Amino acid sequence: MGLSVMILGLVLFLGVHLLTTRRELRARFVVSMGEGGYKGFYSLVSLAGLGFVVWGFAHYRSAGMINVWYPPAAFRHITEALMLPAVILVAASYIRGRIYTTLKHPMLAGVKLWAAAHLLANGDLGSIILFGAFLAWAVFDRISLKRRTDAGAPPIPIGGVGNDLIAVVVGIVAYLALGFVFHPVVIGVPVFGA
């Protein structure tokens, strides 16, 4: 039951995110629903999908995970190390500086790094589906951005190296919060020192 709900959540969450890559279809939705209606629809479907992913994955974990392979213990440390740049890249997508201008889409780079890192450390079926789906979406979205005529991101002013330093600090703080608070409390898996 848990895996089915999680997959439904992935279909909703990633499906509505895929809608943004289909620019003509997205434009038709905006015309028929209005800009506000489309954004409301997008937000509600995203939130519902995310809720189903979290709920489904939690139930899958509590019912007993289905192991496909057993990652070496060292992979967990690699994942911890890769998560720091992943979180910094996500921060740099909003606090735009040279990291943003160099990578063009640091959010997608951060998501790809996050998903790939978690695939290294988790060998169970639910994790493979979850992180594999996000990795596939991020790769597809990055490829689709190369073919689009628009930037595909909201217009946020771009600063210089100062913004990069702020993004790094915000990323480090977020990384520590995710590792010490979010992951052990919400996910139920300690990150550091385990």
N, C-alpha and C. Protein backbone atom coordinates (compact mmCIF):
# COMPACT_ATOMS: atom_id res chain seq x y z
N MET A 1 0.83 -1.20 0.00
CA MET A 1 0.00 0.00 0.00
C MET A 1 0.87 1.26 0.00
N GLY A 2 1.90 1.27 0.86
CA GLY A 2 2.76 2.45 0.97
C GLY A 2 3.45 2.80 -0.33
N LEU A 3 4.00 1.78 -1.02
CA LEU A 3 4.68 2.05 -2.28
C LEU A 3 3.72 2.59 -3.33
N SER A 4 2.50 2.06 -3.35
CA SER A 4 1.51 2.53 -4.33
C SER A 4 1.17 3.99 -4.10
N VAL A 5 1.00 4.36 -2.85
CA VAL A 5 0.68 5.76 -2.52
C VAL A 5 1.86 6.65 -2.86
N MET A 6 3.08 6.19 -2.56
CA MET A 6 4.27 6.98 -2.89
C MET A 6 4.38 7.18 -4.40
N ILE A 7 4.13 6.14 -5.17
CA ILE A 7 4.21 6.24 -6.63
C ILE A 7 3.14 7.18 -7.15
N LEU A 8 1.92 7.11 -6.60
CA LEU A 8 0.88 8.07 -6.98
C LEU A 8 1.35 9.49 -6.69
N GLY A 9 1.97 9.70 -5.54
CA GLY A 9 2.50 11.01 -5.19
C GLY A 9 3.57 11.48 -6.16
N LEU A 10 4.45 10.57 -6.57
CA LEU A 10 5.49 10.91 -7.55
C LEU A 10 4.87 11.28 -8.89
N VAL A 11 3.84 10.55 -9.30
CA VAL A 11 3.17 10.85 -10.56
C VAL A 11 2.57 12.26 -10.50
N LEU A 12 1.92 12.58 -9.38
CA LEU A 12 1.31 13.91 -9.25
C LEU A 12 2.38 15.00 -9.18
N PHE A 13 3.34 14.84 -8.28
CA PHE A 13 4.35 15.87 -8.05
C PHE A 13 5.22 16.08 -9.28
N LEU A 14 5.80 15.01 -9.78
CA LEU A 14 6.68 15.15 -10.93
C LEU A 14 5.90 15.40 -12.21
N GLY A 15 4.67 14.86 -12.27
CA GLY A 15 3.83 15.10 -13.45
C GLY A 15 3.52 16.56 -13.64
N VAL A 16 3.13 17.25 -12.56
CA VAL A 16 2.84 18.67 -12.70
C VAL A 16 4.10 19.46 -12.97
N HIS A 17 5.25 18.98 -12.47
CA HIS A 17 6.51 19.64 -12.79
C HIS A 17 6.92 19.39 -14.25
N LEU A 18 6.55 18.24 -14.78
CA LEU A 18 6.81 17.98 -16.20
C LEU A 18 5.95 18.87 -17.09
N LEU A 19 4.78 19.24 -16.58
CA LEU A 19 3.89 20.12 -17.34
C LEU A 19 4.60 21.43 -17.71
N THR A 20 5.45 21.91 -16.82
CA THR A 20 6.16 23.17 -17.12
C THR A 20 7.15 23.01 -18.27
N THR A 21 7.58 21.80 -18.55
CA THR A 21 8.51 21.59 -19.67
C THR A 21 7.79 21.60 -21.01
N ARG A 22 6.51 21.36 -20.99
CA ARG A 22 5.68 21.38 -22.21
C ARG A 22 5.08 22.77 -22.32
N ARG A 23 5.82 23.70 -22.87
CA ARG A 23 5.47 25.12 -22.82
C ARG A 23 4.13 25.44 -23.49
N GLU A 24 3.85 24.81 -24.63
CA GLU A 24 2.58 25.09 -25.30
C GLU A 24 1.40 24.57 -24.49
N LEU A 25 1.53 23.39 -23.92
CA LEU A 25 0.47 22.83 -23.08
C LEU A 25 0.28 23.68 -21.83
N ARG A 26 1.39 24.09 -21.24
CA ARG A 26 1.32 24.97 -20.07
C ARG A 26 0.60 26.27 -20.42
N ALA A 27 0.92 26.84 -21.58
CA ALA A 27 0.28 28.09 -22.01
C ALA A 27 -1.22 27.91 -22.16
N ARG A 28 -1.66 26.76 -22.67
CA ARG A 28 -3.10 26.50 -22.81
C ARG A 28 -3.77 26.42 -21.44
N PHE A 29 -3.09 25.80 -20.47
CA PHE A 29 -3.63 25.75 -19.10
C PHE A 29 -3.76 27.17 -18.54
N VAL A 30 -2.74 27.99 -18.75
CA VAL A 30 -2.77 29.37 -18.24
C VAL A 30 -3.91 30.15 -18.88
N VAL A 31 -4.10 29.98 -20.18
CA VAL A 31 -5.19 30.68 -20.86
C VAL A 31 -6.54 30.22 -20.32
N SER A 32 -6.73 28.92 -20.16
CA SER A 32 -8.04 28.42 -19.72
C SER A 32 -8.30 28.67 -18.23
N MET A 33 -7.27 28.66 -17.40
CA MET A 33 -7.45 28.81 -15.96
C MET A 33 -7.12 30.21 -15.45
N GLY A 34 -6.40 30.97 -16.24
CA GLY A 34 -5.86 32.23 -15.77
C GLY A 34 -4.55 31.97 -15.04
N GLU A 35 -3.70 33.00 -14.97
CA GLU A 35 -2.39 32.84 -14.33
C GLU A 35 -2.53 32.39 -12.87
N GLY A 36 -3.42 33.06 -12.13
CA GLY A 36 -3.62 32.71 -10.73
C GLY A 36 -4.21 31.32 -10.55
N GLY A 37 -5.17 30.97 -11.40
CA GLY A 37 -5.77 29.65 -11.33
C GLY A 37 -4.76 28.55 -11.63
N TYR A 38 -3.92 28.80 -12.63
CA TYR A 38 -2.89 27.82 -12.97
C TYR A 38 -1.91 27.65 -11.81
N LYS A 39 -1.48 28.76 -11.24
CA LYS A 39 -0.53 28.67 -10.13
C LYS A 39 -1.15 27.97 -8.93
N GLY A 40 -2.44 28.23 -8.69
CA GLY A 40 -3.13 27.55 -7.60
C GLY A 40 -3.23 26.05 -7.85
N PHE A 41 -3.61 25.69 -9.08
CA PHE A 41 -3.69 24.28 -9.47
C PHE A 41 -2.33 23.61 -9.33
N TYR A 42 -1.29 24.25 -9.84
CA TYR A 42 0.07 23.73 -9.79
C TYR A 42 0.49 23.50 -8.34
N SER A 43 0.22 24.48 -7.49
CA SER A 43 0.60 24.39 -6.08
C SER A 43 -0.15 23.27 -5.37
N LEU A 44 -1.46 23.18 -5.60
CA LEU A 44 -2.26 22.15 -4.93
C LEU A 44 -1.85 20.74 -5.36
N VAL A 45 -1.64 20.55 -6.66
CA VAL A 45 -1.23 19.22 -7.13
C VAL A 45 0.17 18.88 -6.61
N SER A 46 1.07 19.86 -6.60
CA SER A 46 2.42 19.63 -6.07
C SER A 46 2.36 19.25 -4.59
N LEU A 47 1.58 20.00 -3.83
CA LEU A 47 1.47 19.75 -2.39
C LEU A 47 0.83 18.39 -2.12
N ALA A 48 -0.22 18.07 -2.86
CA ALA A 48 -0.86 16.76 -2.69
C ALA A 48 0.11 15.65 -3.05
N GLY A 49 0.83 15.81 -4.15
CA GLY A 49 1.81 14.81 -4.56
C GLY A 49 2.89 14.62 -3.52
N LEU A 50 3.41 15.72 -3.01
CA LEU A 50 4.45 15.65 -1.98
C LEU A 50 3.92 14.96 -0.73
N GLY A 51 2.68 15.29 -0.34
CA GLY A 51 2.07 14.65 0.82
C GLY A 51 1.94 13.14 0.64
N PHE A 52 1.51 12.72 -0.56
CA PHE A 52 1.40 11.29 -0.84
C PHE A 52 2.77 10.61 -0.84
N VAL A 53 3.79 11.30 -1.36
CA VAL A 53 5.14 10.73 -1.36
C VAL A 53 5.61 10.51 0.08
N VAL A 54 5.46 11.52 0.91
CA VAL A 54 5.92 11.42 2.31
C VAL A 54 5.14 10.34 3.04
N TRP A 55 3.80 10.38 2.94
CA TRP A 55 2.96 9.41 3.64
C TRP A 55 3.24 8.00 3.14
N GLY A 56 3.29 7.83 1.82
CA GLY A 56 3.51 6.50 1.25
C GLY A 56 4.88 5.94 1.62
N PHE A 57 5.91 6.78 1.57
CA PHE A 57 7.26 6.30 1.90
C PHE A 57 7.35 5.93 3.38
N ALA A 58 6.71 6.72 4.23
CA ALA A 58 6.72 6.42 5.68
C ALA A 58 6.04 5.07 5.95
N HIS A 59 4.92 4.82 5.29
CA HIS A 59 4.23 3.55 5.49
C HIS A 59 5.01 2.38 4.90
N TYR A 60 5.63 2.62 3.78
CA TYR A 60 6.48 1.58 3.17
C TYR A 60 7.62 1.22 4.14
N ARG A 61 8.26 2.23 4.71
CA ARG A 61 9.37 1.98 5.65
C ARG A 61 8.89 1.24 6.90
N SER A 62 7.74 1.64 7.44
CA SER A 62 7.27 1.02 8.67
C SER A 62 6.79 -0.42 8.44
N ALA A 63 6.36 -0.74 7.22
CA ALA A 63 5.90 -2.10 6.90
C ALA A 63 7.06 -3.05 6.62
N GLY A 64 8.25 -2.51 6.49
CA GLY A 64 9.42 -3.34 6.19
C GLY A 64 9.88 -3.12 4.77
N MET A 65 11.07 -2.59 4.64
CA MET A 65 11.59 -2.24 3.32
C MET A 65 11.98 -3.49 2.54
N ILE A 66 11.92 -3.36 1.23
CA ILE A 66 12.27 -4.46 0.33
C ILE A 66 13.68 -4.19 -0.19
N ASN A 67 14.65 -4.92 0.32
CA ASN A 67 16.03 -4.68 -0.09
C ASN A 67 16.32 -5.30 -1.45
N VAL A 68 16.94 -4.50 -2.30
CA VAL A 68 17.35 -4.95 -3.63
C VAL A 68 18.85 -5.23 -3.63
N TRP A 69 19.58 -4.35 -2.95
CA TRP A 69 21.02 -4.53 -2.80
C TRP A 69 21.45 -3.88 -1.49
N TYR A 70 22.65 -4.21 -1.04
CA TYR A 70 23.15 -3.72 0.25
C TYR A 70 24.37 -2.84 0.00
N PRO A 71 24.17 -1.52 0.04
CA PRO A 71 25.30 -0.62 -0.23
C PRO A 71 26.38 -0.75 0.85
N PRO A 72 27.64 -0.63 0.45
CA PRO A 72 28.72 -0.64 1.43
C PRO A 72 28.57 0.54 2.40
N ALA A 73 29.02 0.38 3.63
CA ALA A 73 28.90 1.43 4.65
C ALA A 73 29.57 2.73 4.22
N ALA A 74 30.64 2.62 3.45
CA ALA A 74 31.36 3.82 2.99
C ALA A 74 30.47 4.72 2.13
N PHE A 75 29.51 4.14 1.44
CA PHE A 75 28.63 4.93 0.58
C PHE A 75 27.82 5.94 1.38
N ARG A 76 27.52 5.61 2.63
CA ARG A 76 26.77 6.54 3.47
C ARG A 76 27.59 7.81 3.70
N HIS A 77 28.88 7.65 3.92
CA HIS A 77 29.75 8.82 4.14
C HIS A 77 29.90 9.63 2.85
N ILE A 78 29.93 8.95 1.72
CA ILE A 78 29.98 9.65 0.43
C ILE A 78 28.71 10.48 0.26
N THR A 79 27.58 9.89 0.62
CA THR A 79 26.30 10.61 0.53
C THR A 79 26.31 11.85 1.42
N GLU A 80 26.79 11.70 2.65
CA GLU A 80 26.89 12.86 3.55
C GLU A 80 27.74 13.96 2.93
N ALA A 81 28.84 13.59 2.31
CA ALA A 81 29.73 14.57 1.70
C ALA A 81 29.09 15.23 0.48
N LEU A 82 28.38 14.46 -0.33
CA LEU A 82 27.76 15.01 -1.54
C LEU A 82 26.57 15.92 -1.22
N MET A 83 25.96 15.72 -0.07
CA MET A 83 24.79 16.52 0.28
C MET A 83 25.14 17.98 0.54
N LEU A 84 26.32 18.27 1.02
CA LEU A 84 26.69 19.68 1.26
C LEU A 84 26.67 20.48 -0.04
N PRO A 85 27.38 20.06 -1.09
CA PRO A 85 27.27 20.85 -2.32
C PRO A 85 25.86 20.83 -2.92
N ALA A 86 25.13 19.74 -2.73
CA ALA A 86 23.76 19.69 -3.26
C ALA A 86 22.90 20.78 -2.63
N VAL A 87 23.00 20.94 -1.32
CA VAL A 87 22.20 21.95 -0.62
C VAL A 87 22.68 23.36 -0.99
N ILE A 88 23.98 23.54 -1.11
CA ILE A 88 24.51 24.85 -1.53
C ILE A 88 24.01 25.21 -2.93
N LEU A 89 23.96 24.24 -3.83
CA LEU A 89 23.46 24.51 -5.18
C LEU A 89 22.00 24.94 -5.17
N VAL A 90 21.19 24.31 -4.33
CA VAL A 90 19.79 24.71 -4.23
C VAL A 90 19.70 26.13 -3.70
N ALA A 91 20.50 26.46 -2.69
CA ALA A 91 20.52 27.83 -2.16
C ALA A 91 20.95 28.82 -3.24
N ALA A 92 21.93 28.44 -4.05
CA ALA A 92 22.44 29.31 -5.11
C ALA A 92 21.43 29.55 -6.22
N SER A 93 20.41 28.71 -6.31
CA SER A 93 19.39 28.94 -7.33
C SER A 93 18.47 30.10 -6.94
N TYR A 94 18.44 30.44 -5.66
CA TYR A 94 17.64 31.57 -5.17
C TYR A 94 18.48 32.77 -4.80
N ILE A 95 19.71 32.53 -4.35
CA ILE A 95 20.65 33.61 -4.02
C ILE A 95 21.66 33.61 -5.15
N ARG A 96 21.31 34.29 -6.21
CA ARG A 96 22.02 34.14 -7.48
C ARG A 96 23.29 34.98 -7.56
N GLY A 97 24.35 34.30 -7.93
CA GLY A 97 25.65 34.94 -8.13
C GLY A 97 26.37 34.20 -9.25
N ARG A 98 27.68 34.05 -9.08
CA ARG A 98 28.47 33.39 -10.13
C ARG A 98 28.19 31.90 -10.22
N ILE A 99 27.83 31.28 -9.10
CA ILE A 99 27.46 29.86 -9.16
C ILE A 99 26.28 29.69 -10.11
N TYR A 100 25.30 30.59 -9.97
CA TYR A 100 24.11 30.52 -10.82
C TYR A 100 24.47 30.75 -12.29
N THR A 101 25.26 31.79 -12.55
CA THR A 101 25.58 32.09 -13.95
C THR A 101 26.46 31.02 -14.58
N THR A 102 27.28 30.37 -13.78
CA THR A 102 28.14 29.30 -14.31
C THR A 102 27.33 28.05 -14.63
N LEU A 103 26.47 27.65 -13.71
CA LEU A 103 25.71 26.40 -13.89
C LEU A 103 24.40 26.60 -14.65
N LYS A 104 23.88 27.82 -14.66
CA LYS A 104 22.61 28.18 -15.29
C LYS A 104 21.40 27.63 -14.55
N HIS A 105 21.47 26.40 -14.06
CA HIS A 105 20.34 25.78 -13.37
C HIS A 105 20.84 25.00 -12.15
N PRO A 106 21.33 25.71 -11.12
CA PRO A 106 21.88 25.02 -9.96
C PRO A 106 20.84 24.21 -9.18
N MET A 107 19.55 24.59 -9.27
CA MET A 107 18.51 23.80 -8.60
C MET A 107 18.49 22.38 -9.15
N LEU A 108 18.50 22.26 -10.46
CA LEU A 108 18.48 20.93 -11.07
C LEU A 108 19.76 20.17 -10.77
N ALA A 109 20.89 20.87 -10.77
CA ALA A 109 22.16 20.22 -10.42
C ALA A 109 22.11 19.72 -8.98
N GLY A 110 21.53 20.52 -8.08
CA GLY A 110 21.40 20.12 -6.68
C GLY A 110 20.48 18.92 -6.51
N VAL A 111 19.36 18.92 -7.23
CA VAL A 111 18.42 17.79 -7.16
C VAL A 111 19.08 16.52 -7.70
N LYS A 112 19.80 16.65 -8.81
CA LYS A 112 20.49 15.47 -9.37
C LYS A 112 21.53 14.93 -8.38
N LEU A 113 22.28 15.82 -7.77
CA LEU A 113 23.30 15.39 -6.81
C LEU A 113 22.65 14.75 -5.58
N TRP A 114 21.56 15.36 -5.07
CA TRP A 114 20.82 14.82 -3.93
C TRP A 114 20.30 13.41 -4.24
N ALA A 115 19.66 13.26 -5.40
CA ALA A 115 19.08 11.97 -5.76
C ALA A 115 20.16 10.91 -5.97
N ALA A 116 21.21 11.25 -6.72
CA ALA A 116 22.29 10.29 -6.97
C ALA A 116 22.97 9.89 -5.67
N ALA A 117 23.20 10.85 -4.77
CA ALA A 117 23.84 10.55 -3.49
C ALA A 117 22.98 9.58 -2.68
N HIS A 118 21.67 9.81 -2.67
CA HIS A 118 20.79 8.93 -1.90
C HIS A 118 20.64 7.54 -2.55
N LEU A 119 20.78 7.48 -3.87
CA LEU A 119 20.78 6.17 -4.52
C LEU A 119 22.01 5.35 -4.12
N LEU A 120 23.13 6.03 -3.85
CA LEU A 120 24.33 5.33 -3.40
C LEU A 120 24.14 4.68 -2.04
N ALA A 121 23.43 5.38 -1.14
CA ALA A 121 23.34 4.93 0.25
C ALA A 121 22.13 4.05 0.54
N ASN A 122 21.18 3.97 -0.38
CA ASN A 122 19.94 3.23 -0.12
C ASN A 122 19.72 2.17 -1.19
N GLY A 123 19.65 0.93 -0.77
CA GLY A 123 19.48 -0.16 -1.72
C GLY A 123 18.11 -0.79 -1.71
N ASP A 124 17.15 -0.16 -1.04
CA ASP A 124 15.80 -0.74 -1.00
C ASP A 124 14.96 -0.24 -2.17
N LEU A 125 13.92 -0.99 -2.50
CA LEU A 125 13.09 -0.71 -3.67
C LEU A 125 12.43 0.66 -3.61
N GLY A 126 11.87 1.02 -2.46
CA GLY A 126 11.20 2.31 -2.32
C GLY A 126 12.15 3.47 -2.56
N SER A 127 13.34 3.39 -2.00
CA SER A 127 14.34 4.45 -2.19
C SER A 127 14.79 4.53 -3.64
N ILE A 128 14.96 3.37 -4.27
CA ILE A 128 15.39 3.36 -5.67
C ILE A 128 14.32 4.02 -6.55
N ILE A 129 13.05 3.72 -6.27
CA ILE A 129 11.97 4.34 -7.04
C ILE A 129 11.92 5.83 -6.76
N LEU A 130 11.96 6.21 -5.49
CA LEU A 130 11.86 7.62 -5.09
C LEU A 130 13.00 8.46 -5.67
N PHE A 131 14.21 8.09 -5.35
CA PHE A 131 15.35 8.91 -5.78
C PHE A 131 15.63 8.75 -7.27
N GLY A 132 15.36 7.57 -7.81
CA GLY A 132 15.51 7.38 -9.25
C GLY A 132 14.54 8.24 -10.05
N ALA A 133 13.31 8.39 -9.54
CA ALA A 133 12.31 9.22 -10.21
C ALA A 133 12.74 10.68 -10.21
N PHE A 134 13.23 11.17 -9.07
CA PHE A 134 13.69 12.56 -9.00
C PHE A 134 14.91 12.78 -9.88
N LEU A 135 15.82 11.82 -9.92
CA LEU A 135 17.00 11.95 -10.78
C LEU A 135 16.58 11.98 -12.25
N ALA A 136 15.68 11.09 -12.64
CA ALA A 136 15.22 11.06 -14.03
C ALA A 136 14.51 12.37 -14.39
N TRP A 137 13.68 12.88 -13.49
CA TRP A 137 12.99 14.15 -13.76
C TRP A 137 13.99 15.28 -13.95
N ALA A 138 14.98 15.38 -13.04
CA ALA A 138 15.95 16.48 -13.12
C ALA A 138 16.78 16.41 -14.40
N VAL A 139 17.15 15.21 -14.81
CA VAL A 139 17.90 15.05 -16.07
C VAL A 139 17.02 15.47 -17.24
N PHE A 140 15.77 14.99 -17.26
CA PHE A 140 14.84 15.35 -18.35
C PHE A 140 14.61 16.86 -18.39
N ASP A 141 14.39 17.46 -17.22
CA ASP A 141 14.11 18.90 -17.18
C ASP A 141 15.31 19.69 -17.68
N ARG A 142 16.51 19.29 -17.32
CA ARG A 142 17.71 19.99 -17.78
C ARG A 142 17.86 19.89 -19.29
N ILE A 143 17.58 18.71 -19.83
CA ILE A 143 17.64 18.55 -21.29
C ILE A 143 16.58 19.42 -21.96
N SER A 144 15.38 19.45 -21.39
CA SER A 144 14.30 20.24 -21.99
C SER A 144 14.62 21.74 -21.93
N LEU A 145 15.33 22.17 -20.91
CA LEU A 145 15.70 23.59 -20.81
C LEU A 145 16.63 24.01 -21.95
N LYS A 146 17.44 23.09 -22.43
CA LYS A 146 18.33 23.41 -23.54
C LYS A 146 17.56 23.67 -24.83
N ARG A 147 16.34 23.13 -24.89
CA ARG A 147 15.53 23.27 -26.10
C ARG A 147 14.48 24.38 -26.00
N ARG A 148 14.32 24.95 -24.81
CA ARG A 148 13.30 25.99 -24.62
C ARG A 148 13.84 27.35 -25.03
N THR A 149 12.92 28.23 -25.39
CA THR A 149 13.31 29.59 -25.74
C THR A 149 13.31 30.51 -24.53
N ASP A 150 12.64 30.11 -23.44
CA ASP A 150 12.62 30.92 -22.22
C ASP A 150 13.56 30.32 -21.18
N ALA A 151 13.81 31.08 -20.13
CA ALA A 151 14.77 30.66 -19.10
C ALA A 151 14.19 29.57 -18.20
N GLY A 152 12.88 29.51 -18.07
CA GLY A 152 12.26 28.49 -17.24
C GLY A 152 12.40 28.74 -15.75
N ALA A 153 12.76 29.94 -15.36
CA ALA A 153 12.91 30.26 -13.95
C ALA A 153 12.43 31.69 -13.70
N PRO A 154 11.99 31.97 -12.48
CA PRO A 154 11.53 33.33 -12.20
C PRO A 154 12.67 34.34 -12.28
N PRO A 155 12.37 35.56 -12.68
CA PRO A 155 13.44 36.57 -12.77
C PRO A 155 13.87 37.05 -11.38
N ILE A 156 15.00 36.56 -10.93
CA ILE A 156 15.59 36.96 -9.65
C ILE A 156 16.88 37.68 -9.99
N PRO A 157 17.12 38.86 -9.40
CA PRO A 157 18.37 39.58 -9.71
C PRO A 157 19.60 38.72 -9.44
N ILE A 158 20.61 38.89 -10.30
CA ILE A 158 21.86 38.15 -10.16
C ILE A 158 22.92 39.08 -9.60
N GLY A 159 23.54 38.66 -8.52
CA GLY A 159 24.60 39.43 -7.89
C GLY A 159 25.96 38.86 -8.23
N GLY A 160 26.93 39.18 -7.42
CA GLY A 160 28.29 38.72 -7.65
C GLY A 160 28.73 37.69 -6.64
N VAL A 161 30.02 37.74 -6.32
CA VAL A 161 30.64 36.77 -5.41
C VAL A 161 30.01 36.85 -4.02
N GLY A 162 29.56 38.04 -3.61
CA GLY A 162 28.91 38.19 -2.31
C GLY A 162 27.70 37.29 -2.19
N ASN A 163 26.92 37.20 -3.26
CA ASN A 163 25.77 36.31 -3.24
C ASN A 163 26.20 34.85 -3.14
N ASP A 164 27.30 34.51 -3.77
CA ASP A 164 27.81 33.14 -3.68
C ASP A 164 28.20 32.81 -2.24
N LEU A 165 28.86 33.76 -1.56
CA LEU A 165 29.24 33.54 -0.16
C LEU A 165 28.00 33.36 0.71
N ILE A 166 26.97 34.17 0.45
CA ILE A 166 25.73 34.03 1.21
C ILE A 166 25.09 32.67 0.93
N ALA A 167 25.07 32.26 -0.34
CA ALA A 167 24.50 30.96 -0.71
C ALA A 167 25.25 29.82 -0.02
N VAL A 168 26.57 29.93 0.07
CA VAL A 168 27.36 28.90 0.74
C VAL A 168 27.03 28.85 2.23
N VAL A 169 26.94 30.01 2.88
CA VAL A 169 26.60 30.05 4.31
C VAL A 169 25.20 29.49 4.54
N VAL A 170 24.24 29.95 3.74
CA VAL A 170 22.86 29.44 3.86
C VAL A 170 22.85 27.93 3.60
N GLY A 171 23.59 27.48 2.62
CA GLY A 171 23.67 26.05 2.31
C GLY A 171 24.24 25.25 3.47
N ILE A 172 25.29 25.76 4.10
CA ILE A 172 25.90 25.05 5.24
C ILE A 172 24.92 24.97 6.40
N VAL A 173 24.25 26.07 6.70
CA VAL A 173 23.27 26.08 7.79
C VAL A 173 22.13 25.10 7.48
N ALA A 174 21.62 25.15 6.24
CA ALA A 174 20.54 24.24 5.85
C ALA A 174 21.00 22.78 5.90
N TYR A 175 22.23 22.52 5.46
CA TYR A 175 22.79 21.17 5.49
C TYR A 175 22.84 20.64 6.92
N LEU A 176 23.31 21.47 7.84
CA LEU A 176 23.39 21.05 9.24
C LEU A 176 22.00 20.83 9.83
N ALA A 177 21.06 21.73 9.50
CA ALA A 177 19.69 21.58 9.99
C ALA A 177 19.06 20.30 9.43
N LEU A 178 19.28 20.03 8.16
CA LEU A 178 18.74 18.81 7.55
C LEU A 178 19.35 17.57 8.21
N GLY A 179 20.65 17.61 8.45
CA GLY A 179 21.35 16.45 9.01
C GLY A 179 21.07 16.20 10.48
N PHE A 180 20.99 17.27 11.27
CA PHE A 180 20.82 17.11 12.71
C PHE A 180 19.37 17.13 13.16
N VAL A 181 18.49 17.78 12.40
CA VAL A 181 17.10 17.92 12.84
C VAL A 181 16.13 17.20 11.90
N PHE A 182 16.06 17.65 10.66
CA PHE A 182 15.04 17.14 9.74
C PHE A 182 15.16 15.63 9.52
N HIS A 183 16.31 15.17 9.09
CA HIS A 183 16.48 13.77 8.71
C HIS A 183 16.19 12.82 9.88
N PRO A 184 16.77 13.05 11.08
CA PRO A 184 16.48 12.11 12.17
C PRO A 184 15.04 12.22 12.70
N VAL A 185 14.48 13.44 12.73
CA VAL A 185 13.15 13.62 13.31
C VAL A 185 12.06 13.22 12.32
N VAL A 186 12.14 13.73 11.10
CA VAL A 186 11.08 13.50 10.11
C VAL A 186 11.25 12.16 9.41
N ILE A 187 12.46 11.85 8.96
CA ILE A 187 12.71 10.62 8.21
C ILE A 187 12.94 9.44 9.15
N GLY A 188 13.45 9.74 10.34
CA GLY A 188 13.70 8.69 11.31
C GLY A 188 15.04 7.97 11.13
N VAL A 189 15.91 8.60 10.36
CA VAL A 189 17.23 8.02 10.11
C VAL A 189 18.29 9.06 10.47
N PRO A 190 19.14 8.76 11.48
CA PRO A 190 20.20 9.73 11.81
C PRO A 190 21.21 9.82 10.68
N VAL A 191 21.77 11.02 10.50
CA VAL A 191 22.74 11.21 9.43
C VAL A 191 24.15 11.17 9.97
N PHE A 192 24.43 12.02 10.94
CA PHE A 192 25.80 12.14 11.45
C PHE A 192 26.02 11.23 12.65
N GLY A 193 27.18 10.63 12.68
CA GLY A 193 27.58 9.83 13.84
C GLY A 193 26.87 8.50 13.95
N ALA A 194 26.22 8.06 12.89
CA ALA A 194 25.51 6.77 12.97
C ALA A 194 26.28 5.69 12.27
